[in-house]
């Protein structure tokens, strides 16, 4: 659990985390969504390829908007919304990482 908290920079607040059989997840709902999006993105990208960069940026926006609204206003998001926006962000992050990796390998072949 500590590794995941460090990897994601997660606060692990109990009020923003899921519980299973009375035990708190090691990371909050948003980070759980990011992890799920990253893990689900690997086979999806392998099977179908990745979408365009603008589309990936659009997938990242809901989490950024939700997080900043919560930070800057009295708005309080729900754990399910945090999970969903985190999944979108994690999938988009995976895709952008794949795009950048492909670009680096493409450049190496030209040098």
PDB file of N, CA and C in Angstrom:
ATOM      1  N   UNK A   1       0.796  -1.193   0.000  1.00  0.00           N
ATOM      2  CA  UNK A   1       0.000   0.000   0.000  1.00  0.00           C
ATOM      3  C   UNK A   1       0.843   1.263   0.000  1.00  0.00           C
ATOM      4  N   UNK A   2       1.924   1.256   0.746  1.00  0.00           N
ATOM      5  CA  UNK A   2       2.765   2.455   0.846  1.00  0.00           C
ATOM      6  C   UNK A   2       3.389   2.785  -0.512  1.00  0.00           C
ATOM      7  N   UNK A   3       3.773   1.754  -1.265  1.00  0.00           N
ATOM      8  CA  UNK A   3       4.350   1.968  -2.585  1.00  0.00           C
ATOM      9  C   UNK A   3       3.375   2.713  -3.493  1.00  0.00           C
ATOM     10  N   UNK A   4       2.110   2.292  -3.494  1.00  0.00           N
ATOM     11  CA  UNK A   4       1.106   2.962  -4.330  1.00  0.00           C
ATOM     12  C   UNK A   4       0.907   4.403  -3.900  1.00  0.00           C
ATOM     13  N   UNK A   5       0.885   4.654  -2.584  1.00  0.00           N
ATOM     14  CA  UNK A   5       0.718   6.035  -2.109  1.00  0.00           C
ATOM     15  C   UNK A   5       1.864   6.916  -2.593  1.00  0.00           C
ATOM     16  N   UNK A   6       3.071   6.387  -2.540  1.00  0.00           N
ATOM     17  CA  UNK A   6       4.239   7.150  -2.989  1.00  0.00           C
ATOM     18  C   UNK A   6       4.205   7.335  -4.506  1.00  0.00           C
ATOM     19  N   UNK A   7       3.923   6.261  -5.238  1.00  0.00           N
ATOM     20  CA  UNK A   7       3.902   6.305  -6.699  1.00  0.00           C
ATOM     21  C   UNK A   7       2.907   7.337  -7.219  1.00  0.00           C
ATOM     22  N   UNK A   8       1.715   7.383  -6.618  1.00  0.00           N
ATOM     23  CA  UNK A   8       0.678   8.296  -7.074  1.00  0.00           C
ATOM     24  C   UNK A   8       0.698   9.634  -6.344  1.00  0.00           C
ATOM     25  N   UNK A   9       1.522   9.781  -5.308  1.00  0.00           N
ATOM     26  CA  UNK A   9       1.499  11.007  -4.520  1.00  0.00           C
ATOM     27  C   UNK A   9       0.145  11.186  -3.864  1.00  0.00           C
ATOM     28  N   UNK A  10      -0.416  10.098  -3.362  1.00  0.00           N
ATOM     29  CA  UNK A  10      -1.792  10.086  -2.877  1.00  0.00           C
ATOM     30  C   UNK A  10      -1.887  10.464  -1.409  1.00  0.00           C
ATOM     31  N   UNK A  11      -2.922  11.235  -1.079  1.00  0.00           N
ATOM     32  CA  UNK A  11      -3.159  11.638   0.305  1.00  0.00           C
ATOM     33  C   UNK A  11      -3.835  10.539   1.119  1.00  0.00           C
ATOM     34  N   UNK A  12      -4.522   9.626   0.450  1.00  0.00           N
ATOM     35  CA  UNK A  12      -5.203   8.481   1.087  1.00  0.00           C
ATOM     36  C   UNK A  12      -6.169   8.890   2.191  1.00  0.00           C
ATOM     37  N   UNK A  13      -6.857   9.987   2.009  1.00  0.00           N
ATOM     38  CA  UNK A  13      -7.833  10.410   3.017  1.00  0.00           C
ATOM     39  C   UNK A  13      -8.978   9.408   3.095  1.00  0.00           C
ATOM     40  N   UNK A  14      -9.367   9.012   4.281  1.00  0.00           N
ATOM     41  CA  UNK A  14     -10.454   8.032   4.424  1.00  0.00           C
ATOM     42  C   UNK A  14     -11.767   8.491   3.788  1.00  0.00           C
ATOM     43  N   UNK A  15     -12.080   9.796   3.884  1.00  0.00           N
ATOM     44  CA  UNK A  15     -13.344  10.282   3.316  1.00  0.00           C
ATOM     45  C   UNK A  15     -13.334  10.308   1.789  1.00  0.00           C
ATOM     46  N   UNK A  16     -12.174  10.143   1.187  1.00  0.00           N
ATOM     47  CA  UNK A  16     -12.058  10.136  -0.266  1.00  0.00           C
ATOM     48  C   UNK A  16     -11.532   8.795  -0.780  1.00  0.00           C
ATOM     49  N   UNK A  17     -11.699   7.759   0.010  1.00  0.00           N
ATOM     50  CA  UNK A  17     -11.223   6.428  -0.352  1.00  0.00           C
ATOM     51  C   UNK A  17     -12.352   5.421  -0.271  1.00  0.00           C
ATOM     52  N   UNK A  18     -12.183   4.337  -0.995  1.00  0.00           N
ATOM     53  CA  UNK A  18     -13.117   3.223  -0.919  1.00  0.00           C
ATOM     54  C   UNK A  18     -12.702   2.290   0.210  1.00  0.00           C
ATOM     55  N   UNK A  19     -13.668   1.551   0.700  1.00  0.00           N
ATOM     56  CA  UNK A  19     -13.417   0.547   1.729  1.00  0.00           C
ATOM     57  C   UNK A  19     -13.945  -0.790   1.225  1.00  0.00           C
ATOM     58  N   UNK A  20     -13.247  -1.870   1.547  1.00  0.00           N
ATOM     59  CA  UNK A  20     -13.672  -3.216   1.191  1.00  0.00           C
ATOM     60  C   UNK A  20     -13.568  -4.081   2.430  1.00  0.00           C
ATOM     61  N   UNK A  21     -14.701  -4.619   2.843  1.00  0.00           N
ATOM     62  CA  UNK A  21     -14.772  -5.438   4.061  1.00  0.00           C
ATOM     63  C   UNK A  21     -14.159  -4.709   5.256  1.00  0.00           C
ATOM     64  N   UNK A  22     -14.466  -3.423   5.358  1.00  0.00           N
ATOM     65  CA  UNK A  22     -14.014  -2.640   6.496  1.00  0.00           C
ATOM     66  C   UNK A  22     -12.580  -2.148   6.411  1.00  0.00           C
ATOM     67  N   UNK A  23     -11.885  -2.467   5.330  1.00  0.00           N
ATOM     68  CA  UNK A  23     -10.488  -2.023   5.176  1.00  0.00           C
ATOM     69  C   UNK A  23     -10.390  -0.981   4.070  1.00  0.00           C
ATOM     70  N   UNK A  24      -9.669   0.091   4.352  1.00  0.00           N
ATOM     71  CA  UNK A  24      -9.504   1.184   3.400  1.00  0.00           C
ATOM     72  C   UNK A  24      -8.545   0.781   2.290  1.00  0.00           C
ATOM     73  N   UNK A  25      -8.895   1.166   1.047  1.00  0.00           N
ATOM     74  CA  UNK A  25      -7.970   0.977  -0.071  1.00  0.00           C
ATOM     75  C   UNK A  25      -6.692   1.766   0.231  1.00  0.00           C
ATOM     76  N   UNK A  26      -5.551   1.322  -0.285  1.00  0.00           N
ATOM     77  CA  UNK A  26      -4.303   2.030  -0.001  1.00  0.00           C
ATOM     78  C   UNK A  26      -4.214   3.409  -0.652  1.00  0.00           C
ATOM     79  N   UNK A  27      -4.992   3.630  -1.717  1.00  0.00           N
ATOM     80  CA  UNK A  27      -4.996   4.933  -2.382  1.00  0.00           C
ATOM     81  C   UNK A  27      -6.439   5.423  -2.503  1.00  0.00           C
ATOM     82  N   UNK A  28      -6.605   6.723  -2.693  1.00  0.00           N
ATOM     83  CA  UNK A  28      -7.941   7.330  -2.736  1.00  0.00           C
ATOM     84  C   UNK A  28      -8.694   6.911  -4.003  1.00  0.00           C
ATOM     85  N   UNK A  29      -9.951   7.295  -4.082  1.00  0.00           N
ATOM     86  CA  UNK A  29     -10.809   6.919  -5.206  1.00  0.00           C
ATOM     87  C   UNK A  29     -10.264   7.439  -6.535  1.00  0.00           C
ATOM     88  N   UNK A  30      -9.755   8.663  -6.563  1.00  0.00           N
ATOM     89  CA  UNK A  30      -9.236   9.239  -7.808  1.00  0.00           C
ATOM     90  C   UNK A  30      -7.992   8.485  -8.271  1.00  0.00           C
ATOM     91  N   UNK A  31      -7.087   8.200  -7.351  1.00  0.00           N
ATOM     92  CA  UNK A  31      -5.875   7.453  -7.704  1.00  0.00           C
ATOM     93  C   UNK A  31      -6.209   6.010  -8.073  1.00  0.00           C
ATOM     94  N   UNK A  32      -7.226   5.427  -7.426  1.00  0.00           N
ATOM     95  CA  UNK A  32      -7.688   4.092  -7.787  1.00  0.00           C
ATOM     96  C   UNK A  32      -8.181   4.103  -9.233  1.00  0.00           C
ATOM     97  N   UNK A  33      -8.910   5.148  -9.608  1.00  0.00           N
ATOM     98  CA  UNK A  33      -9.370   5.294 -10.992  1.00  0.00           C
ATOM     99  C   UNK A  33      -8.213   5.438 -11.965  1.00  0.00           C
ATOM    100  N   UNK A  34      -7.223   6.237 -11.590  1.00  0.00           N
ATOM    101  CA  UNK A  34      -6.055   6.394 -12.459  1.00  0.00           C
ATOM    102  C   UNK A  34      -5.358   5.055 -12.668  1.00  0.00           C
ATOM    103  N   UNK A  35      -5.172   4.311 -11.580  1.00  0.00           N
ATOM    104  CA  UNK A  35      -4.529   3.002 -11.671  1.00  0.00           C
ATOM    105  C   UNK A  35      -5.337   2.065 -12.558  1.00  0.00           C
ATOM    106  N   UNK A  36      -6.660   2.051 -12.380  1.00  0.00           N
ATOM    107  CA  UNK A  36      -7.518   1.199 -13.205  1.00  0.00           C
ATOM    108  C   UNK A  36      -7.434   1.612 -14.679  1.00  0.00           C
ATOM    109  N   UNK A  37      -7.444   2.922 -14.950  1.00  0.00           N
ATOM    110  CA  UNK A  37      -7.341   3.410 -16.325  1.00  0.00           C
ATOM    111  C   UNK A  37      -6.020   3.034 -16.967  1.00  0.00           C
ATOM    112  N   UNK A  38      -4.948   3.122 -16.197  1.00  0.00           N
ATOM    113  CA  UNK A  38      -3.632   2.741 -16.713  1.00  0.00           C
ATOM    114  C   UNK A  38      -3.599   1.243 -17.011  1.00  0.00           C
ATOM    115  N   UNK A  39      -4.084   0.439 -16.068  1.00  0.00           N
ATOM    116  CA  UNK A  39      -4.046  -1.015 -16.255  1.00  0.00           C
ATOM    117  C   UNK A  39      -4.965  -1.469 -17.385  1.00  0.00           C
ATOM    118  N   UNK A  40      -6.141  -0.856 -17.515  1.00  0.00           N
ATOM    119  CA  UNK A  40      -7.055  -1.206 -18.603  1.00  0.00           C
ATOM    120  C   UNK A  40      -6.581  -0.647 -19.945  1.00  0.00           C
ATOM    121  N   UNK A  41      -5.817   0.433 -19.889  1.00  0.00           N
ATOM    122  CA  UNK A  41      -5.316   1.046 -21.115  1.00  0.00           C
ATOM    123  C   UNK A  41      -4.279   0.207 -21.829  1.00  0.00           C
ATOM    124  N   UNK A  42      -3.503  -0.562 -21.088  1.00  0.00           N
ATOM    125  CA  UNK A  42      -2.434  -1.354 -21.707  1.00  0.00           C
ATOM    126  C   UNK A  42      -2.995  -2.334 -22.738  1.00  0.00           C
ATOM    127  N   UNK A  43      -3.951  -3.206 -22.362  1.00  0.00           N
ATOM    128  CA  UNK A  43      -4.478  -4.110 -23.400  1.00  0.00           C
ATOM    129  C   UNK A  43      -5.295  -3.377 -24.465  1.00  0.00           C
ATOM    130  N   UNK A  44      -5.996  -2.321 -24.080  1.00  0.00           N
ATOM    131  CA  UNK A  44      -6.807  -1.579 -25.055  1.00  0.00           C
ATOM    132  C   UNK A  44      -5.922  -0.942 -26.124  1.00  0.00           C
ATOM    133  N   UNK A  45      -4.814  -0.338 -25.708  1.00  0.00           N
ATOM    134  CA  UNK A  45      -3.901   0.303 -26.653  1.00  0.00           C
ATOM    135  C   UNK A  45      -3.221  -0.753 -27.512  1.00  0.00           C
ATOM    136  N   UNK A  46      -2.871  -1.885 -26.913  1.00  0.00           N
ATOM    137  CA  UNK A  46      -2.234  -2.971 -27.651  1.00  0.00           C
ATOM    138  C   UNK A  46      -3.171  -3.509 -28.736  1.00  0.00           C
ATOM    139  N   UNK A  47      -4.442  -3.657 -28.400  1.00  0.00           N
ATOM    140  CA  UNK A  47      -5.398  -4.236 -29.353  1.00  0.00           C
ATOM    141  C   UNK A  47      -5.895  -3.223 -30.386  1.00  0.00           C
ATOM    142  N   UNK A  48      -6.156  -1.987 -29.963  1.00  0.00           N
ATOM    143  CA  UNK A  48      -6.810  -1.024 -30.848  1.00  0.00           C
ATOM    144  C   UNK A  48      -5.943   0.162 -31.243  1.00  0.00           C
ATOM    145  N   UNK A  49      -4.780   0.315 -30.637  1.00  0.00           N
ATOM    146  CA  UNK A  49      -3.952   1.484 -30.890  1.00  0.00           C
ATOM    147  C   UNK A  49      -4.435   2.660 -30.052  1.00  0.00           C
ATOM    148  N   UNK A  50      -3.797   3.780 -30.206  1.00  0.00           N
ATOM    149  CA  UNK A  50      -4.182   4.942 -29.409  1.00  0.00           C
ATOM    150  C   UNK A  50      -4.839   5.994 -30.294  1.00  0.00           C
ATOM    151  N   UNK A  51      -5.588   6.859 -29.653  1.00  0.00           N
ATOM    152  CA  UNK A  51      -6.304   7.922 -30.366  1.00  0.00           C
ATOM    153  C   UNK A  51      -5.396   9.150 -30.502  1.00  0.00           C
ATOM    154  N   UNK A  52      -5.945  10.206 -31.020  1.00  0.00           N
ATOM    155  CA  UNK A  52      -5.166  11.428 -31.244  1.00  0.00           C
ATOM    156  C   UNK A  52      -4.846  12.133 -29.924  1.00  0.00           C
ATOM    157  N   UNK A  53      -3.839  12.950 -29.963  1.00  0.00           N
ATOM    158  CA  UNK A  53      -3.433  13.706 -28.772  1.00  0.00           C
ATOM    159  C   UNK A  53      -4.551  14.638 -28.299  1.00  0.00           C
ATOM    160  N   UNK A  54      -5.222  15.384 -29.192  1.00  0.00           N
ATOM    161  CA  UNK A  54      -6.317  16.237 -28.704  1.00  0.00           C
ATOM    162  C   UNK A  54      -7.415  15.445 -27.980  1.00  0.00           C
ATOM    163  N   UNK A  55      -7.723  14.250 -28.463  1.00  0.00           N
ATOM    164  CA  UNK A  55      -8.734  13.424 -27.807  1.00  0.00           C
ATOM    165  C   UNK A  55      -8.253  12.993 -26.425  1.00  0.00           C
ATOM    166  N   UNK A  56      -6.995  12.659 -26.312  1.00  0.00           N
ATOM    167  CA  UNK A  56      -6.441  12.254 -25.012  1.00  0.00           C
ATOM    168  C   UNK A  56      -6.475  13.423 -24.021  1.00  0.00           C
ATOM    169  N   UNK A  57      -6.187  14.607 -24.503  1.00  0.00           N
ATOM    170  CA  UNK A  57      -6.257  15.796 -23.641  1.00  0.00           C
ATOM    171  C   UNK A  57      -7.699  16.010 -23.182  1.00  0.00           C
ATOM    172  N   UNK A  58      -8.663  15.795 -24.074  1.00  0.00           N
ATOM    173  CA  UNK A  58     -10.078  15.913 -23.692  1.00  0.00           C
ATOM    174  C   UNK A  58     -10.450  14.895 -22.605  1.00  0.00           C
ATOM    175  N   UNK A  59      -9.895  13.703 -22.684  1.00  0.00           N
ATOM    176  CA  UNK A  59     -10.176  12.699 -21.661  1.00  0.00           C
ATOM    177  C   UNK A  59      -9.577  13.074 -20.303  1.00  0.00           C
ATOM    178  N   UNK A  60      -8.519  13.860 -20.316  1.00  0.00           N
ATOM    179  CA  UNK A  60      -7.881  14.278 -19.070  1.00  0.00           C
ATOM    180  C   UNK A  60      -8.614  15.447 -18.402  1.00  0.00           C
ATOM    181  N   UNK A  61      -9.321  16.233 -19.180  1.00  0.00           N
ATOM    182  CA  UNK A  61      -9.964  17.439 -18.649  1.00  0.00           C
ATOM    183  C   UNK A  61     -10.965  17.196 -17.523  1.00  0.00           C
ATOM    184  N   UNK A  62     -11.817  16.174 -17.587  1.00  0.00           N
ATOM    185  CA  UNK A  62     -12.787  16.004 -16.492  1.00  0.00           C
ATOM    186  C   UNK A  62     -12.138  15.888 -15.111  1.00  0.00           C
ATOM    187  N   UNK A  63     -11.038  15.139 -15.009  1.00  0.00           N
ATOM    188  CA  UNK A  63     -10.396  15.007 -13.710  1.00  0.00           C
ATOM    189  C   UNK A  63      -9.778  16.335 -13.272  1.00  0.00           C
ATOM    190  N   UNK A  64      -9.166  17.016 -14.204  1.00  0.00           N
ATOM    191  CA  UNK A  64      -8.555  18.301 -13.862  1.00  0.00           C
ATOM    192  C   UNK A  64      -9.618  19.303 -13.410  1.00  0.00           C
ATOM    193  N   UNK A  65     -10.725  19.364 -14.126  1.00  0.00           N
ATOM    194  CA  UNK A  65     -11.801  20.279 -13.753  1.00  0.00           C
ATOM    195  C   UNK A  65     -12.387  19.899 -12.396  1.00  0.00           C
ATOM    196  N   UNK A  66     -12.673  18.610 -12.213  1.00  0.00           N
ATOM    197  CA  UNK A  66     -13.241  18.131 -10.948  1.00  0.00           C
ATOM    198  C   UNK A  66     -12.302  18.427  -9.779  1.00  0.00           C
ATOM    199  N   UNK A  67     -11.040  18.141  -9.958  1.00  0.00           N
ATOM    200  CA  UNK A  67     -10.066  18.368  -8.891  1.00  0.00           C
ATOM    201  C   UNK A  67      -9.893  19.837  -8.546  1.00  0.00           C
ATOM    202  N   UNK A  68      -9.770  20.686  -9.576  1.00  0.00           N
ATOM    203  CA  UNK A  68      -9.576  22.111  -9.307  1.00  0.00           C
ATOM    204  C   UNK A  68     -10.842  22.770  -8.763  1.00  0.00           C
ATOM    205  N   UNK A  69     -12.011  22.344  -9.245  1.00  0.00           N
ATOM    206  CA  UNK A  69     -13.255  22.876  -8.672  1.00  0.00           C
ATOM    207  C   UNK A  69     -13.340  22.549  -7.187  1.00  0.00           C
ATOM    208  N   UNK A  70     -12.972  21.348  -6.850  1.00  0.00           N
ATOM    209  CA  UNK A  70     -13.013  20.942  -5.448  1.00  0.00           C
ATOM    210  C   UNK A  70     -11.987  21.709  -4.618  1.00  0.00           C
ATOM    211  N   UNK A  71     -10.820  21.940  -5.204  1.00  0.00           N
ATOM    212  CA  UNK A  71      -9.764  22.660  -4.496  1.00  0.00           C
ATOM    213  C   UNK A  71     -10.106  24.133  -4.286  1.00  0.00           C
ATOM    214  N   UNK A  72     -10.701  24.758  -5.302  1.00  0.00           N
ATOM    215  CA  UNK A  72     -10.870  26.206  -5.290  1.00  0.00           C
ATOM    216  C   UNK A  72     -12.251  26.698  -4.859  1.00  0.00           C
ATOM    217  N   UNK A  73     -13.223  25.786  -4.753  1.00  0.00           N
ATOM    218  CA  UNK A  73     -14.576  26.197  -4.385  1.00  0.00           C
ATOM    219  C   UNK A  73     -15.107  25.306  -3.256  1.00  0.00           C
ATOM    220  N   UNK A  74     -16.354  25.508  -2.914  1.00  0.00           N
ATOM    221  CA  UNK A  74     -16.998  24.684  -1.881  1.00  0.00           C
ATOM    222  C   UNK A  74     -17.526  23.368  -2.449  1.00  0.00           C
ATOM    223  N   UNK A  75     -17.387  23.176  -3.749  1.00  0.00           N
ATOM    224  CA  UNK A  75     -17.837  21.952  -4.417  1.00  0.00           C
ATOM    225  C   UNK A  75     -17.137  20.734  -3.812  1.00  0.00           C
ATOM    226  N   UNK A  76     -17.895  19.668  -3.590  1.00  0.00           N
ATOM    227  CA  UNK A  76     -17.330  18.436  -3.065  1.00  0.00           C
ATOM    228  C   UNK A  76     -17.722  17.292  -3.994  1.00  0.00           C
ATOM    229  N   UNK A  77     -16.756  16.704  -4.637  1.00  0.00           N
ATOM    230  CA  UNK A  77     -16.990  15.612  -5.569  1.00  0.00           C
ATOM    231  C   UNK A  77     -17.339  14.330  -4.817  1.00  0.00           C
ATOM    232  N   UNK A  78     -17.867  13.358  -5.539  1.00  0.00           N
ATOM    233  CA  UNK A  78     -18.170  12.054  -4.941  1.00  0.00           C
ATOM    234  C   UNK A  78     -17.061  11.061  -5.303  1.00  0.00           C
ATOM    235  N   UNK A  79     -16.975   9.993  -4.541  1.00  0.00           N
ATOM    236  CA  UNK A  79     -15.951   8.995  -4.831  1.00  0.00           C
ATOM    237  C   UNK A  79     -16.176   8.314  -6.179  1.00  0.00           C
ATOM    238  N   UNK A  80     -17.411   8.108  -6.570  1.00  0.00           N
ATOM    239  CA  UNK A  80     -17.672   7.508  -7.889  1.00  0.00           C
ATOM    240  C   UNK A  80     -17.250   8.443  -9.016  1.00  0.00           C
ATOM    241  N   UNK A  81     -17.473   9.743  -8.844  1.00  0.00           N
ATOM    242  CA  UNK A  81     -17.029  10.713  -9.853  1.00  0.00           C
ATOM    243  C   UNK A  81     -15.503  10.768  -9.886  1.00  0.00           C
ATOM    244  N   UNK A  82     -14.883  10.722  -8.734  1.00  0.00           N
ATOM    245  CA  UNK A  82     -13.414  10.697  -8.681  1.00  0.00           C
ATOM    246  C   UNK A  82     -12.872   9.461  -9.387  1.00  0.00           C
ATOM    247  N   UNK A  83     -13.517   8.317  -9.150  1.00  0.00           N
ATOM    248  CA  UNK A  83     -13.096   7.073  -9.790  1.00  0.00           C
ATOM    249  C   UNK A  83     -13.226   7.168 -11.311  1.00  0.00           C
ATOM    250  N   UNK A  84     -14.365   7.652 -11.790  1.00  0.00           N
ATOM    251  CA  UNK A  84     -14.616   7.748 -13.238  1.00  0.00           C
ATOM    252  C   UNK A  84     -13.648   8.716 -13.913  1.00  0.00           C
ATOM    253  N   UNK A  85     -13.468   9.890 -13.327  1.00  0.00           N
ATOM    254  CA  UNK A  85     -12.565  10.861 -13.948  1.00  0.00           C
ATOM    255  C   UNK A  85     -11.118  10.375 -13.864  1.00  0.00           C
ATOM    256  N   UNK A  86     -10.786   9.666 -12.801  1.00  0.00           N
ATOM    257  CA  UNK A  86      -9.450   9.088 -12.677  1.00  0.00           C
ATOM    258  C   UNK A  86      -9.192   8.022 -13.730  1.00  0.00           C
ATOM    259  N   UNK A  87     -10.210   7.199 -14.027  1.00  0.00           N
ATOM    260  CA  UNK A  87     -10.079   6.174 -15.080  1.00  0.00           C
ATOM    261  C   UNK A  87      -9.796   6.819 -16.437  1.00  0.00           C
ATOM    262  N   UNK A  88     -10.559   7.850 -16.755  1.00  0.00           N
ATOM    263  CA  UNK A  88     -10.339   8.544 -18.031  1.00  0.00           C
ATOM    264  C   UNK A  88      -8.929   9.124 -18.095  1.00  0.00           C
ATOM    265  N   UNK A  89      -8.514   9.743 -16.999  1.00  0.00           N
ATOM    266  CA  UNK A  89      -7.187  10.347 -16.953  1.00  0.00           C
ATOM    267  C   UNK A  89      -6.101   9.281 -17.096  1.00  0.00           C
ATOM    268  N   UNK A  90      -6.242   8.169 -16.373  1.00  0.00           N
ATOM    269  CA  UNK A  90      -5.252   7.096 -16.431  1.00  0.00           C
ATOM    270  C   UNK A  90      -5.134   6.502 -17.822  1.00  0.00           C
ATOM    271  N   UNK A  91      -6.272   6.284 -18.474  1.00  0.00           N
ATOM    272  CA  UNK A  91      -6.254   5.756 -19.842  1.00  0.00           C
ATOM    273  C   UNK A  91      -5.572   6.742 -20.786  1.00  0.00           C
ATOM    274  N   UNK A  92      -5.907   8.020 -20.671  1.00  0.00           N
ATOM    275  CA  UNK A  92      -5.301   9.039 -21.531  1.00  0.00           C
ATOM    276  C   UNK A  92      -3.807   9.154 -21.257  1.00  0.00           C
ATOM    277  N   UNK A  93      -3.422   9.079 -19.995  1.00  0.00           N
ATOM    278  CA  UNK A  93      -2.004   9.140 -19.632  1.00  0.00           C
ATOM    279  C   UNK A  93      -1.244   7.990 -20.283  1.00  0.00           C
ATOM    280  N   UNK A  94      -1.813   6.796 -20.214  1.00  0.00           N
ATOM    281  CA  UNK A  94      -1.225   5.611 -20.850  1.00  0.00           C
ATOM    282  C   UNK A  94      -1.034   5.840 -22.344  1.00  0.00           C
ATOM    283  N   UNK A  95      -2.069   6.369 -22.978  1.00  0.00           N
ATOM    284  CA  UNK A  95      -2.019   6.606 -24.419  1.00  0.00           C
ATOM    285  C   UNK A  95      -0.956   7.642 -24.774  1.00  0.00           C
ATOM    286  N   UNK A  96      -0.905   8.721 -24.010  1.00  0.00           N
ATOM    287  CA  UNK A  96       0.105   9.752 -24.282  1.00  0.00           C
ATOM    288  C   UNK A  96       1.511   9.214 -24.059  1.00  0.00           C
ATOM    289  N   UNK A  97       1.660   8.367 -23.074  1.00  0.00           N
ATOM    290  CA  UNK A  97       2.967   7.752 -22.827  1.00  0.00           C
ATOM    291  C   UNK A  97       3.345   6.841 -24.003  1.00  0.00           C
ATOM    292  N   UNK A  98       2.392   6.112 -24.539  1.00  0.00           N
ATOM    293  CA  UNK A  98       2.652   5.249 -25.698  1.00  0.00           C
ATOM    294  C   UNK A  98       3.023   6.078 -26.923  1.00  0.00           C
ATOM    295  N   UNK A  99       2.315   7.168 -27.127  1.00  0.00           N
ATOM    296  CA  UNK A  99       2.612   8.048 -28.257  1.00  0.00           C
ATOM    297  C   UNK A  99       4.027   8.600 -28.137  1.00  0.00           C
ATOM    298  N   UNK A 100       4.395   9.058 -26.935  1.00  0.00           N
ATOM    299  CA  UNK A 100       5.730   9.632 -26.762  1.00  0.00           C
ATOM    300  C   UNK A 100       6.813   8.566 -26.895  1.00  0.00           C
ATOM    301  N   UNK A 101       6.542   7.360 -26.423  1.00  0.00           N
ATOM    302  CA  UNK A 101       7.514   6.280 -26.565  1.00  0.00           C
ATOM    303  C   UNK A 101       7.718   5.939 -28.037  1.00  0.00           C
ATOM    304  N   UNK A 102       6.627   5.834 -28.784  1.00  0.00           N
ATOM    305  CA  UNK A 102       6.732   5.578 -30.222  1.00  0.00           C
ATOM    306  C   UNK A 102       7.516   6.685 -30.921  1.00  0.00           C
ATOM    307  N   UNK A 103       7.290   7.928 -30.530  1.00  0.00           N
ATOM    308  CA  UNK A 103       7.990   9.057 -31.144  1.00  0.00           C
ATOM    309  C   UNK A 103       9.491   8.980 -30.867  1.00  0.00           C
ATOM    310  N   UNK A 104       9.863   8.613 -29.656  1.00  0.00           N
ATOM    311  CA  UNK A 104      11.283   8.506 -29.312  1.00  0.00           C
ATOM    312  C   UNK A 104      11.943   7.394 -30.134  1.00  0.00           C
ATOM    313  N   UNK A 105      11.284   6.246 -30.211  1.00  0.00           N
ATOM    314  CA  UNK A 105      11.861   5.141 -30.998  1.00  0.00           C
ATOM    315  C   UNK A 105      11.907   5.492 -32.477  1.00  0.00           C
ATOM    316  N   UNK A 106      10.944   6.245 -32.943  1.00  0.00           N
ATOM    317  CA  UNK A 106      10.940   6.685 -34.332  1.00  0.00           C
ATOM    318  C   UNK A 106      12.116   7.626 -34.613  1.00  0.00           C
ATOM    319  N   UNK A 107      12.386   8.513 -33.664  1.00  0.00           N
ATOM    320  CA  UNK A 107      13.524   9.428 -33.827  1.00  0.00           C
ATOM    321  C   UNK A 107      14.846   8.701 -33.778  1.00  0.00           C
ATOM    322  N   UNK A 108      14.946   7.702 -32.920  1.00  0.00           N
ATOM    323  CA  UNK A 108      16.195   6.946 -32.826  1.00  0.00           C
ATOM    324  C   UNK A 108      16.512   6.235 -34.131  1.00  0.00           C
ATOM    325  N   UNK A 109      15.496   5.779 -34.818  1.00  0.00           N
ATOM    326  CA  UNK A 109      15.707   5.109 -36.101  1.00  0.00           C
ATOM    327  C   UNK A 109      16.197   6.060 -37.178  1.00  0.00           C
ATOM    328  N   UNK A 110      15.939   7.349 -37.016  1.00  0.00           N
ATOM    329  CA  UNK A 110      16.338   8.352 -38.019  1.00  0.00           C
ATOM    330  C   UNK A 110      17.713   8.937 -37.734  1.00  0.00           C
ATOM    331  N   UNK A 111      18.263   8.676 -36.554  1.00  0.00           N
ATOM    332  CA  UNK A 111      19.561   9.266 -36.205  1.00  0.00           C
ATOM    333  C   UNK A 111      20.709   8.439 -36.697  1.00  0.00           C
TER     334      UNK A 111
END
